[in-house]
Amino acid sequence: AERVITDPSLFPEYETVFFTTYRPYCDECEIGGKTYLWALQYNEGGYPRRMPKGKAFLQSSTGAPEAIDLGAEFDETSGLPPVSRAIEGAPPTSQGLLLMSKPAPVQRDLHRREK
């Protein structure tokens, strides 16, 4: 059964929450499983209205860091749920997801001082 064992990461400027799920192998004698990265709109649970541009980095129990391109992995036109490809291994049990993205633009005026 798939379960959430890590802390979610929130992007309030995009109204998006990212979290990982873990699905162990069905064979009791086999160690390991698959990890998936989910991206949901935090107030409605559907596809995010705007997806941040950038990458998510996740290191699973295999020790190999995985880079997930947010724009390419999460495409609403595919008709699939907002989940990434399967990553081999278990995710960390605490915060193990690093999201690198450009910040959302802010509505501030720039002031210039003339010499």
PDB file of N, CA and C in Angstrom:
ATOM      1  N   ALA A   1       0.840  -1.180   0.000  1.00  0.00           N
ATOM      2  CA  ALA A   1       0.000   0.000   0.000  1.00  0.00           C
ATOM      3  C   ALA A   1       0.882   1.239   0.000  1.00  0.00           C
ATOM      4  N   GLU A   2       0.507   2.223  -0.790  1.00  0.00           N
ATOM      5  CA  GLU A   2       1.272   3.462  -0.898  1.00  0.00           C
ATOM      6  C   GLU A   2       1.019   4.335   0.321  1.00  0.00           C
ATOM      7  N   ARG A   3       2.093   4.945   0.830  1.00  0.00           N
ATOM      8  CA  ARG A   3       1.952   5.762   2.041  1.00  0.00           C
ATOM      9  C   ARG A   3       2.868   6.977   1.995  1.00  0.00           C
ATOM     10  N   VAL A   4       2.499   7.996   2.752  1.00  0.00           N
ATOM     11  CA  VAL A   4       3.302   9.211   2.875  1.00  0.00           C
ATOM     12  C   VAL A   4       4.130   9.085   4.150  1.00  0.00           C
ATOM     13  N   ILE A   5       5.466   9.175   4.006  1.00  0.00           N
ATOM     14  CA  ILE A   5       6.329   9.068   5.184  1.00  0.00           C
ATOM     15  C   ILE A   5       7.238  10.279   5.330  1.00  0.00           C
ATOM     16  N   THR A   6       7.116  11.274   4.439  1.00  0.00           N
ATOM     17  CA  THR A   6       7.942  12.477   4.524  1.00  0.00           C
ATOM     18  C   THR A   6       7.068  13.701   4.778  1.00  0.00           C
ATOM     19  N   ASP A   7       7.713  14.784   5.185  1.00  0.00           N
ATOM     20  CA  ASP A   7       7.010  16.042   5.396  1.00  0.00           C
ATOM     21  C   ASP A   7       6.713  16.700   4.047  1.00  0.00           C
ATOM     22  N   PRO A   8       5.534  17.291   3.879  1.00  0.00           N
ATOM     23  CA  PRO A   8       5.243  17.981   2.620  1.00  0.00           C
ATOM     24  C   PRO A   8       5.990  19.306   2.525  1.00  0.00           C
ATOM     25  N   SER A   9       6.181  19.788   1.290  1.00  0.00           N
ATOM     26  CA  SER A   9       6.803  21.087   1.026  1.00  0.00           C
ATOM     27  C   SER A   9       5.761  21.978   0.372  1.00  0.00           C
ATOM     28  N   LEU A  10       5.611  23.186   0.899  1.00  0.00           N
ATOM     29  CA  LEU A  10       4.574  24.096   0.444  1.00  0.00           C
ATOM     30  C   LEU A  10       5.174  25.250  -0.344  1.00  0.00           C
ATOM     31  N   PHE A  11       4.566  25.585  -1.466  1.00  0.00           N
ATOM     32  CA  PHE A  11       4.893  26.750  -2.268  1.00  0.00           C
ATOM     33  C   PHE A  11       3.677  27.667  -2.246  1.00  0.00           C
ATOM     34  N   PRO A  12       3.557  28.581  -1.258  1.00  0.00           N
ATOM     35  CA  PRO A  12       2.349  29.395  -1.159  1.00  0.00           C
ATOM     36  C   PRO A  12       2.135  30.329  -2.344  1.00  0.00           C
ATOM     37  N   GLU A  13       3.224  30.822  -2.958  1.00  0.00           N
ATOM     38  CA  GLU A  13       3.058  31.732  -4.083  1.00  0.00           C
ATOM     39  C   GLU A  13       2.474  31.035  -5.306  1.00  0.00           C
ATOM     40  N   TYR A  14       2.588  29.715  -5.384  1.00  0.00           N
ATOM     41  CA  TYR A  14       1.999  28.940  -6.468  1.00  0.00           C
ATOM     42  C   TYR A  14       0.784  28.125  -6.012  1.00  0.00           C
ATOM     43  N   GLU A  15       0.430  28.233  -4.747  1.00  0.00           N
ATOM     44  CA  GLU A  15      -0.682  27.467  -4.150  1.00  0.00           C
ATOM     45  C   GLU A  15      -0.513  25.970  -4.406  1.00  0.00           C
ATOM     46  N   THR A  16       0.711  25.483  -4.218  1.00  0.00           N
ATOM     47  CA  THR A  16       1.044  24.102  -4.526  1.00  0.00           C
ATOM     48  C   THR A  16       1.734  23.446  -3.340  1.00  0.00           C
ATOM     49  N   VAL A  17       1.392  22.198  -3.091  1.00  0.00           N
ATOM     50  CA  VAL A  17       2.068  21.404  -2.077  1.00  0.00           C
ATOM     51  C   VAL A  17       2.704  20.200  -2.782  1.00  0.00           C
ATOM     52  N   PHE A  18       3.951  19.926  -2.433  1.00  0.00           N
ATOM     53  CA  PHE A  18       4.690  18.777  -2.960  1.00  0.00           C
ATOM     54  C   PHE A  18       4.907  17.794  -1.824  1.00  0.00           C
ATOM     55  N   PHE A  19       4.712  16.512  -2.104  1.00  0.00           N
ATOM     56  CA  PHE A  19       4.997  15.478  -1.116  1.00  0.00           C
ATOM     57  C   PHE A  19       5.372  14.195  -1.834  1.00  0.00           C
ATOM     58  N   THR A  20       6.073  13.342  -1.131  1.00  0.00           N
ATOM     59  CA  THR A  20       6.486  12.058  -1.703  1.00  0.00           C
ATOM     60  C   THR A  20       5.693  10.941  -1.061  1.00  0.00           C
ATOM     61  N   THR A  21       5.451   9.905  -1.856  1.00  0.00           N
ATOM     62  CA  THR A  21       4.811   8.698  -1.346  1.00  0.00           C
ATOM     63  C   THR A  21       5.745   7.523  -1.596  1.00  0.00           C
ATOM     64  N   TYR A  22       5.550   6.485  -0.846  1.00  0.00           N
ATOM     65  CA  TYR A  22       6.390   5.292  -0.931  1.00  0.00           C
ATOM     66  C   TYR A  22       5.497   4.068  -1.080  1.00  0.00           C
ATOM     67  N   ARG A  23       5.814   3.231  -2.062  1.00  0.00           N
ATOM     68  CA  ARG A  23       5.092   1.985  -2.277  1.00  0.00           C
ATOM     69  C   ARG A  23       6.097   0.835  -2.204  1.00  0.00           C
ATOM     70  N   PRO A  24       6.095   0.071  -1.087  1.00  0.00           N
ATOM     71  CA  PRO A  24       7.043  -1.050  -0.984  1.00  0.00           C
ATOM     72  C   PRO A  24       6.662  -2.158  -1.959  1.00  0.00           C
ATOM     73  N   TYR A  25       7.646  -2.985  -2.263  1.00  0.00           N
ATOM     74  CA  TYR A  25       7.375  -4.138  -3.129  1.00  0.00           C
ATOM     75  C   TYR A  25       6.407  -5.091  -2.439  1.00  0.00           C
ATOM     76  N   CYS A  26       5.630  -5.813  -3.229  1.00  0.00           N
ATOM     77  CA  CYS A  26       4.618  -6.722  -2.666  1.00  0.00           C
ATOM     78  C   CYS A  26       5.228  -7.986  -2.071  1.00  0.00           C
ATOM     79  N   ASP A  27       6.413  -8.346  -2.497  1.00  0.00           N
ATOM     80  CA  ASP A  27       7.066  -9.551  -1.989  1.00  0.00           C
ATOM     81  C   ASP A  27       7.684  -9.247  -0.626  1.00  0.00           C
ATOM     82  N   GLU A  28       7.305  -9.998   0.389  1.00  0.00           N
ATOM     83  CA  GLU A  28       7.813  -9.771   1.745  1.00  0.00           C
ATOM     84  C   GLU A  28       9.305 -10.029   1.861  1.00  0.00           C
ATOM     85  N   CYS A  29       9.856 -10.856   0.980  1.00  0.00           N
ATOM     86  CA  CYS A  29      11.274 -11.198   1.042  1.00  0.00           C
ATOM     87  C   CYS A  29      12.159 -10.164   0.344  1.00  0.00           C
ATOM     88  N   GLU A  30      11.560  -9.236  -0.377  1.00  0.00           N
ATOM     89  CA  GLU A  30      12.324  -8.262  -1.131  1.00  0.00           C
ATOM     90  C   GLU A  30      12.356  -6.926  -0.388  1.00  0.00           C
ATOM     91  N   ILE A  31      13.534  -6.316  -0.318  1.00  0.00           N
ATOM     92  CA  ILE A  31      13.699  -5.038   0.357  1.00  0.00           C
ATOM     93  C   ILE A  31      13.600  -3.919  -0.676  1.00  0.00           C
ATOM     94  N   GLY A  32      12.960  -2.824  -0.296  1.00  0.00           N
ATOM     95  CA  GLY A  32      12.897  -1.666  -1.180  1.00  0.00           C
ATOM     96  C   GLY A  32      11.496  -1.377  -1.665  1.00  0.00           C
ATOM     97  N   GLY A  33      11.420  -0.518  -2.645  1.00  0.00           N
ATOM     98  CA  GLY A  33      10.145  -0.115  -3.208  1.00  0.00           C
ATOM     99  C   GLY A  33      10.340   1.043  -4.161  1.00  0.00           C
ATOM    100  N   LYS A  34       9.253   1.733  -4.458  1.00  0.00           N
ATOM    101  CA  LYS A  34       9.267   2.861  -5.379  1.00  0.00           C
ATOM    102  C   LYS A  34       8.787   4.121  -4.672  1.00  0.00           C
ATOM    103  N   THR A  35       9.363   5.261  -5.050  1.00  0.00           N
ATOM    104  CA  THR A  35       8.995   6.564  -4.517  1.00  0.00           C
ATOM    105  C   THR A  35       8.394   7.396  -5.636  1.00  0.00           C
ATOM    106  N   TYR A  36       7.366   8.169  -5.299  1.00  0.00           N
ATOM    107  CA  TYR A  36       6.697   9.044  -6.253  1.00  0.00           C
ATOM    108  C   TYR A  36       6.608  10.449  -5.669  1.00  0.00           C
ATOM    109  N   LEU A  37       6.745  11.460  -6.520  1.00  0.00           N
ATOM    110  CA  LEU A  37       6.587  12.856  -6.115  1.00  0.00           C
ATOM    111  C   LEU A  37       5.243  13.348  -6.626  1.00  0.00           C
ATOM    112  N   TRP A  38       4.442  13.903  -5.731  1.00  0.00           N
ATOM    113  CA  TRP A  38       3.119  14.432  -6.061  1.00  0.00           C
ATOM    114  C   TRP A  38       3.149  15.948  -5.986  1.00  0.00           C
ATOM    115  N   ALA A  39       2.355  16.614  -6.817  1.00  0.00           N
ATOM    116  CA  ALA A  39       2.166  18.065  -6.787  1.00  0.00           C
ATOM    117  C   ALA A  39       0.670  18.342  -6.867  1.00  0.00           C
ATOM    118  N   LEU A  40       0.128  18.934  -5.812  1.00  0.00           N
ATOM    119  CA  LEU A  40      -1.312  19.213  -5.767  1.00  0.00           C
ATOM    120  C   LEU A  40      -1.562  20.655  -5.377  1.00  0.00           C
ATOM    121  N   GLN A  41      -2.678  21.190  -5.858  1.00  0.00           N
ATOM    122  CA  GLN A  41      -3.129  22.497  -5.406  1.00  0.00           C
ATOM    123  C   GLN A  41      -3.608  22.324  -3.975  1.00  0.00           C
ATOM    124  N   TYR A  42      -3.046  23.088  -3.050  1.00  0.00           N
ATOM    125  CA  TYR A  42      -3.265  22.781  -1.635  1.00  0.00           C
ATOM    126  C   TYR A  42      -4.663  23.091  -1.130  1.00  0.00           C
ATOM    127  N   ASN A  43      -5.443  23.922  -1.799  1.00  0.00           N
ATOM    128  CA  ASN A  43      -6.775  24.211  -1.284  1.00  0.00           C
ATOM    129  C   ASN A  43      -7.880  23.403  -1.959  1.00  0.00           C
ATOM    130  N   GLU A  44      -7.619  22.804  -3.140  1.00  0.00           N
ATOM    131  CA  GLU A  44      -8.638  22.015  -3.826  1.00  0.00           C
ATOM    132  C   GLU A  44      -8.219  20.581  -4.102  1.00  0.00           C
ATOM    133  N   GLY A  45      -6.931  20.301  -4.095  1.00  0.00           N
ATOM    134  CA  GLY A  45      -6.462  18.940  -4.302  1.00  0.00           C
ATOM    135  C   GLY A  45      -6.278  18.542  -5.746  1.00  0.00           C
ATOM    136  N   GLY A  46      -6.498  19.431  -6.704  1.00  0.00           N
ATOM    137  CA  GLY A  46      -6.337  19.097  -8.111  1.00  0.00           C
ATOM    138  C   GLY A  46      -4.980  19.512  -8.643  1.00  0.00           C
ATOM    139  N   TYR A  47      -4.913  19.608  -9.976  1.00  0.00           N
ATOM    140  CA  TYR A  47      -3.682  20.078 -10.601  1.00  0.00           C
ATOM    141  C   TYR A  47      -3.390  21.511 -10.157  1.00  0.00           C
ATOM    142  N   PRO A  48      -2.132  21.835  -9.936  1.00  0.00           N
ATOM    143  CA  PRO A  48      -1.786  23.218  -9.595  1.00  0.00           C
ATOM    144  C   PRO A  48      -2.145  24.153 -10.749  1.00  0.00           C
ATOM    145  N   ARG A  49      -2.622  25.337 -10.401  1.00  0.00           N
ATOM    146  CA  ARG A  49      -2.973  26.317 -11.439  1.00  0.00           C
ATOM    147  C   ARG A  49      -1.730  26.775 -12.193  1.00  0.00           C
ATOM    148  N   ARG A  50      -0.652  26.984 -11.447  1.00  0.00           N
ATOM    149  CA  ARG A  50       0.632  27.362 -12.039  1.00  0.00           C
ATOM    150  C   ARG A  50       1.696  26.473 -11.423  1.00  0.00           C
ATOM    151  N   MET A  51       2.475  25.865 -12.266  1.00  0.00           N
ATOM    152  CA  MET A  51       3.549  25.001 -11.782  1.00  0.00           C
ATOM    153  C   MET A  51       4.844  25.799 -11.763  1.00  0.00           C
ATOM    154  N   PRO A  52       5.586  25.772 -10.650  1.00  0.00           N
ATOM    155  CA  PRO A  52       6.874  26.470 -10.638  1.00  0.00           C
ATOM    156  C   PRO A  52       7.824  25.875 -11.670  1.00  0.00           C
ATOM    157  N   LYS A  53       8.612  26.723 -12.278  1.00  0.00           N
ATOM    158  CA  LYS A  53       9.643  26.265 -13.218  1.00  0.00           C
ATOM    159  C   LYS A  53      10.881  25.946 -12.409  1.00  0.00           C
ATOM    160  N   GLY A  54      11.444  24.794 -12.636  1.00  0.00           N
ATOM    161  CA  GLY A  54      12.653  24.423 -11.917  1.00  0.00           C
ATOM    162  C   GLY A  54      12.764  22.926 -11.764  1.00  0.00           C
ATOM    163  N   LYS A  55      13.532  22.512 -10.774  1.00  0.00           N
ATOM    164  CA  LYS A  55      13.777  21.093 -10.539  1.00  0.00           C
ATOM    165  C   LYS A  55      13.559  20.748  -9.080  1.00  0.00           C
ATOM    166  N   ALA A  56      13.191  19.512  -8.865  1.00  0.00           N
ATOM    167  CA  ALA A  56      13.083  18.955  -7.521  1.00  0.00           C
ATOM    168  C   ALA A  56      14.164  17.887  -7.401  1.00  0.00           C
ATOM    169  N   PHE A  57      14.885  17.909  -6.294  1.00  0.00           N
ATOM    170  CA  PHE A  57      15.937  16.928  -6.052  1.00  0.00           C
ATOM    171  C   PHE A  57      15.536  16.060  -4.872  1.00  0.00           C
ATOM    172  N   LEU A  58      15.667  14.767  -5.053  1.00  0.00           N
ATOM    173  CA  LEU A  58      15.274  13.803  -4.038  1.00  0.00           C
ATOM    174  C   LEU A  58      16.327  12.705  -3.981  1.00  0.00           C
ATOM    175  N   GLN A  59      16.793  12.399  -2.787  1.00  0.00           N
ATOM    176  CA  GLN A  59      17.743  11.310  -2.625  1.00  0.00           C
ATOM    177  C   GLN A  59      17.028  10.171  -1.923  1.00  0.00           C
ATOM    178  N   SER A  60      16.922   9.051  -2.602  1.00  0.00           N
ATOM    179  CA  SER A  60      16.220   7.896  -2.041  1.00  0.00           C
ATOM    180  C   SER A  60      17.198   7.016  -1.263  1.00  0.00           C
ATOM    181  N   SER A  61      16.702   5.907  -0.786  1.00  0.00           N
ATOM    182  CA  SER A  61      17.532   5.001   0.018  1.00  0.00           C
ATOM    183  C   SER A  61      18.634   4.334  -0.783  1.00  0.00           C
ATOM    184  N   THR A  62      18.579   4.407  -2.110  1.00  0.00           N
ATOM    185  CA  THR A  62      19.652   3.838  -2.923  1.00  0.00           C
ATOM    186  C   THR A  62      20.901   4.702  -2.885  1.00  0.00           C
ATOM    187  N   GLY A  63      20.761   5.973  -2.460  1.00  0.00           N
ATOM    188  CA  GLY A  63      21.891   6.890  -2.380  1.00  0.00           C
ATOM    189  C   GLY A  63      22.068   7.741  -3.614  1.00  0.00           C
ATOM    190  N   ALA A  64      21.382   7.399  -4.689  1.00  0.00           N
ATOM    191  CA  ALA A  64      21.502   8.168  -5.925  1.00  0.00           C
ATOM    192  C   ALA A  64      20.530   9.343  -5.912  1.00  0.00           C
ATOM    193  N   PRO A  65      21.018  10.576  -6.083  1.00  0.00           N
ATOM    194  CA  PRO A  65      20.098  11.717  -6.140  1.00  0.00           C
ATOM    195  C   PRO A  65      19.356  11.737  -7.472  1.00  0.00           C
ATOM    196  N   GLU A  66      18.084  12.044  -7.410  1.00  0.00           N
ATOM    197  CA  GLU A  66      17.243  12.117  -8.610  1.00  0.00           C
ATOM    198  C   GLU A  66      16.822  13.557  -8.831  1.00  0.00           C
ATOM    199  N   ALA A  67      16.944  14.043 -10.054  1.00  0.00           N
ATOM    200  CA  ALA A  67      16.489  15.384 -10.436  1.00  0.00           C
ATOM    201  C   ALA A  67      15.215  15.238 -11.247  1.00  0.00           C
ATOM    202  N   ILE A  68      14.160  15.920 -10.820  1.00  0.00           N
ATOM    203  CA  ILE A  68      12.865  15.848 -11.484  1.00  0.00           C
ATOM    204  C   ILE A  68      12.544  17.223 -12.035  1.00  0.00           C
ATOM    205  N   ASP A  69      12.389  17.320 -13.352  1.00  0.00           N
ATOM    206  CA  ASP A  69      12.030  18.589 -13.992  1.00  0.00           C
ATOM    207  C   ASP A  69      10.537  18.820 -13.781  1.00  0.00           C
ATOM    208  N   LEU A  70      10.199  19.880 -13.045  1.00  0.00           N
ATOM    209  CA  LEU A  70       8.805  20.119 -12.675  1.00  0.00           C
ATOM    210  C   LEU A  70       7.932  20.409 -13.881  1.00  0.00           C
ATOM    211  N   GLY A  71       8.437  21.133 -14.866  1.00  0.00           N
ATOM    212  CA  GLY A  71       7.639  21.453 -16.039  1.00  0.00           C
ATOM    213  C   GLY A  71       7.362  20.251 -16.921  1.00  0.00           C
ATOM    214  N   ALA A  72       8.324  19.338 -17.022  1.00  0.00           N
ATOM    215  CA  ALA A  72       8.157  18.182 -17.899  1.00  0.00           C
ATOM    216  C   ALA A  72       7.394  17.039 -17.229  1.00  0.00           C
ATOM    217  N   GLU A  73       7.592  16.833 -15.940  1.00  0.00           N
ATOM    218  CA  GLU A  73       6.949  15.709 -15.253  1.00  0.00           C
ATOM    219  C   GLU A  73       5.466  15.925 -15.012  1.00  0.00           C
ATOM    220  N   PHE A  74       5.083  17.156 -14.680  1.00  0.00           N
ATOM    221  CA  PHE A  74       3.700  17.438 -14.311  1.00  0.00           C
ATOM    222  C   PHE A  74       3.026  18.195 -15.437  1.00  0.00           C
ATOM    223  N   ASP A  75       2.277  17.462 -16.266  1.00  0.00           N
ATOM    224  CA  ASP A  75       1.608  18.033 -17.421  1.00  0.00           C
ATOM    225  C   ASP A  75       0.125  17.705 -17.333  1.00  0.00           C
ATOM    226  N   GLU A  76      -0.701  18.732 -17.153  1.00  0.00           N
ATOM    227  CA  GLU A  76      -2.141  18.517 -16.974  1.00  0.00           C
ATOM    228  C   GLU A  76      -2.792  17.934 -18.224  1.00  0.00           C
ATOM    229  N   THR A  77      -2.234  18.191 -19.392  1.00  0.00           N
ATOM    230  CA  THR A  77      -2.840  17.713 -20.626  1.00  0.00           C
ATOM    231  C   THR A  77      -2.689  16.207 -20.805  1.00  0.00           C
ATOM    232  N   SER A  78      -1.842  15.564 -20.018  1.00  0.00           N
ATOM    233  CA  SER A  78      -1.647  14.117 -20.163  1.00  0.00           C
ATOM    234  C   SER A  78      -2.842  13.325 -19.654  1.00  0.00           C
ATOM    235  N   GLY A  79      -3.675  13.924 -18.805  1.00  0.00           N
ATOM    236  CA  GLY A  79      -4.821  13.211 -18.255  1.00  0.00           C
ATOM    237  C   GLY A  79      -4.475  12.307 -17.087  1.00  0.00           C
ATOM    238  N   LEU A  80      -3.215  12.264 -16.718  1.00  0.00           N
ATOM    239  CA  LEU A  80      -2.775  11.433 -15.602  1.00  0.00           C
ATOM    240  C   LEU A  80      -2.816  12.238 -14.315  1.00  0.00           C
ATOM    241  N   PRO A  81      -2.813  11.574 -13.155  1.00  0.00           N
ATOM    242  CA  PRO A  81      -2.749  12.344 -11.904  1.00  0.00           C
ATOM    243  C   PRO A  81      -1.417  13.071 -11.794  1.00  0.00           C
ATOM    244  N   PRO A  82      -1.366  14.122 -10.962  1.00  0.00           N
ATOM    245  CA  PRO A  82      -0.140  14.927 -10.842  1.00  0.00           C
ATOM    246  C   PRO A  82       0.939  14.218 -10.041  1.00  0.00           C
ATOM    247  N   VAL A  83       1.535  13.189 -10.626  1.00  0.00           N
ATOM    248  CA  VAL A  83       2.556  12.392  -9.954  1.00  0.00           C
ATOM    249  C   VAL A  83       3.720  12.172 -10.913  1.00  0.00           C
ATOM    250  N   SER A  84       4.934  12.088 -10.369  1.00  0.00           N
ATOM    251  CA  SER A  84       6.134  11.912 -11.186  1.00  0.00           C
ATOM    252  C   SER A  84       6.331  10.435 -11.538  1.00  0.00           C
ATOM    253  N   ARG A  85       7.387  10.204 -12.273  1.00  0.00           N
ATOM    254  CA  ARG A  85       7.773   8.825 -12.596  1.00  0.00           C
ATOM    255  C   ARG A  85       8.234   8.116 -11.323  1.00  0.00           C
ATOM    256  N   ALA A  86       8.284   6.800 -11.360  1.00  0.00           N
ATOM    257  CA  ALA A  86       8.723   6.020 -10.204  1.00  0.00           C
ATOM    258  C   ALA A  86      10.229   6.166 -10.013  1.00  0.00           C
ATOM    259  N   ILE A  87      10.634   6.365  -8.765  1.00  0.00           N
ATOM    260  CA  ILE A  87      12.041   6.472  -8.387  1.00  0.00           C
ATOM    261  C   ILE A  87      12.361   5.272  -7.508  1.00  0.00           C
ATOM    262  N   GLU A  88      13.427   4.585  -7.825  1.00  0.00           N
ATOM    263  CA  GLU A  88      13.810   3.386  -7.079  1.00  0.00           C
ATOM    264  C   GLU A  88      14.265   3.749  -5.678  1.00  0.00           C
ATOM    265  N   GLY A  89      13.755   3.030  -4.671  1.00  0.00           N
ATOM    266  CA  GLY A  89      14.175   3.227  -3.291  1.00  0.00           C
ATOM    267  C   GLY A  89      13.136   3.960  -2.462  1.00  0.00           C
ATOM    268  N   ALA A  90      13.395   4.027  -1.169  1.00  0.00           N
ATOM    269  CA  ALA A  90      12.492   4.695  -0.227  1.00  0.00           C
ATOM    270  C   ALA A  90      12.931   6.130  -0.018  1.00  0.00           C
ATOM    271  N   PRO A  91      11.976   7.065   0.188  1.00  0.00           N
ATOM    272  CA  PRO A  91      12.354   8.452   0.471  1.00  0.00           C
ATOM    273  C   PRO A  91      12.819   8.595   1.912  1.00  0.00           C
ATOM    274  N   PRO A  92      13.438   9.722   2.262  1.00  0.00           N
ATOM    275  CA  PRO A  92      13.806   9.957   3.658  1.00  0.00           C
ATOM    276  C   PRO A  92      12.560  10.055   4.536  1.00  0.00           C
ATOM    277  N   THR A  93      12.709   9.807   5.820  1.00  0.00           N
ATOM    278  CA  THR A  93      11.553   9.821   6.713  1.00  0.00           C
ATOM    279  C   THR A  93      11.214  11.216   7.219  1.00  0.00           C
ATOM    280  N   SER A  94      12.054  12.207   6.994  1.00  0.00           N
ATOM    281  CA  SER A  94      11.729  13.585   7.372  1.00  0.00           C
ATOM    282  C   SER A  94      11.701  14.415   6.097  1.00  0.00           C
ATOM    283  N   GLN A  95      12.126  15.637   6.145  1.00  0.00           N
ATOM    284  CA  GLN A  95      12.143  16.487   4.953  1.00  0.00           C
ATOM    285  C   GLN A  95      13.319  16.092   4.072  1.00  0.00           C
ATOM    286  N   GLY A  96      13.054  15.512   2.938  1.00  0.00           N
ATOM    287  CA  GLY A  96      14.128  15.071   2.070  1.00  0.00           C
ATOM    288  C   GLY A  96      14.023  15.596   0.663  1.00  0.00           C
ATOM    289  N   LEU A  97      13.112  16.532   0.431  1.00  0.00           N
ATOM    290  CA  LEU A  97      12.875  17.059  -0.902  1.00  0.00           C
ATOM    291  C   LEU A  97      13.435  18.473  -0.992  1.00  0.00           C
ATOM    292  N   LEU A  98      14.214  18.738  -2.031  1.00  0.00           N
ATOM    293  CA  LEU A  98      14.760  20.069  -2.269  1.00  0.00           C
ATOM    294  C   LEU A  98      14.171  20.591  -3.562  1.00  0.00           C
ATOM    295  N   LEU A  99      13.461  21.714  -3.491  1.00  0.00           N
ATOM    296  CA  LEU A  99      12.860  22.331  -4.669  1.00  0.00           C
ATOM    297  C   LEU A  99      13.646  23.577  -5.029  1.00  0.00           C
ATOM    298  N   MET A 100      14.152  23.638  -6.254  1.00  0.00           N
ATOM    299  CA  MET A 100      14.900  24.795  -6.723  1.00  0.00           C
ATOM    300  C   MET A 100      14.112  25.420  -7.860  1.00  0.00           C
ATOM    301  N   SER A 101      13.642  26.643  -7.617  1.00  0.00           N
ATOM    302  CA  SER A 101      12.816  27.331  -8.587  1.00  0.00           C
ATOM    303  C   SER A 101      13.033  28.822  -8.471  1.00  0.00           C
ATOM    304  N   LYS A 102      12.729  29.541  -9.539  1.00  0.00           N
ATOM    305  CA  LYS A 102      12.768  30.990  -9.478  1.00  0.00           C
ATOM    306  C   LYS A 102      11.608  31.459  -8.621  1.00  0.00           C
ATOM    307  N   PRO A 103      11.804  32.475  -7.804  1.00  0.00           N
ATOM    308  CA  PRO A 103      10.685  32.954  -6.992  1.00  0.00           C
ATOM    309  C   PRO A 103       9.635  33.631  -7.865  1.00  0.00           C
ATOM    310  N   ALA A 104       8.415  33.630  -7.380  1.00  0.00           N
ATOM    311  CA  ALA A 104       7.332  34.291  -8.095  1.00  0.00           C
ATOM    312  C   ALA A 104       7.577  35.799  -8.098  1.00  0.00           C
ATOM    313  N   PRO A 105       7.144  36.498  -9.142  1.00  0.00           N
ATOM    314  CA  PRO A 105       7.368  37.944  -9.177  1.00  0.00           C
ATOM    315  C   PRO A 105       6.565  38.655  -8.087  1.00  0.00           C
ATOM    316  N   VAL A 106       7.137  39.714  -7.579  1.00  0.00           N
ATOM    317  CA  VAL A 106       6.464  40.508  -6.545  1.00  0.00           C
ATOM    318  C   VAL A 106       6.048  41.844  -7.141  1.00  0.00           C
ATOM    319  N   GLN A 107       5.001  42.408  -6.612  1.00  0.00           N
ATOM    320  CA  GLN A 107       4.487  43.685  -7.098  1.00  0.00           C
ATOM    321  C   GLN A 107       5.090  44.823  -6.271  1.00  0.00           C
ATOM    322  N   ARG A 108       6.333  45.175  -6.553  1.00  0.00           N
ATOM    323  CA  ARG A 108       7.014  46.246  -5.849  1.00  0.00           C
ATOM    324  C   ARG A 108       7.575  47.233  -6.857  1.00  0.00           C
ATOM    325  N   ASP A 109       7.561  48.473  -6.475  1.00  0.00           N
ATOM    326  CA  ASP A 109       8.162  49.502  -7.318  1.00  0.00           C
ATOM    327  C   ASP A 109       9.648  49.599  -6.997  1.00  0.00           C
ATOM    328  N   LEU A 110      10.424  49.788  -8.019  1.00  0.00           N
ATOM    329  CA  LEU A 110      11.855  50.014  -7.835  1.00  0.00           C
ATOM    330  C   LEU A 110      12.105  51.509  -7.782  1.00  0.00           C
ATOM    331  N   HIS A 111      12.919  51.928  -6.877  1.00  0.00           N
ATOM    332  CA  HIS A 111      13.256  53.329  -6.747  1.00  0.00           C
ATOM    333  C   HIS A 111      14.672  53.555  -7.255  1.00  0.00           C
ATOM    334  N   ARG A 112      14.826  54.610  -8.012  1.00  0.00           N
ATOM    335  CA  ARG A 112      16.114  54.932  -8.577  1.00  0.00           C
ATOM    336  C   ARG A 112      16.510  56.330  -8.093  1.00  0.00           C
ATOM    337  N   ARG A 113      17.743  56.461  -7.712  1.00  0.00           N
ATOM    338  CA  ARG A 113      18.245  57.757  -7.251  1.00  0.00           C
ATOM    339  C   ARG A 113      19.200  58.307  -8.306  1.00  0.00           C
ATOM    340  N   GLU A 114      18.915  59.495  -8.771  1.00  0.00           N
ATOM    341  CA  GLU A 114      19.759  60.143  -9.788  1.00  0.00           C
ATOM    342  C   GLU A 114      20.948  60.802  -9.118  1.00  0.00           C
ATOM    343  N   LYS A 115      22.091  60.827  -9.783  1.00  0.00           N
ATOM    344  CA  LYS A 115      23.285  61.483  -9.254  1.00  0.00           C
ATOM    345  C   LYS A 115      23.266  62.951  -9.566  1.00  0.00           C
TER     346      LYS A 115
END
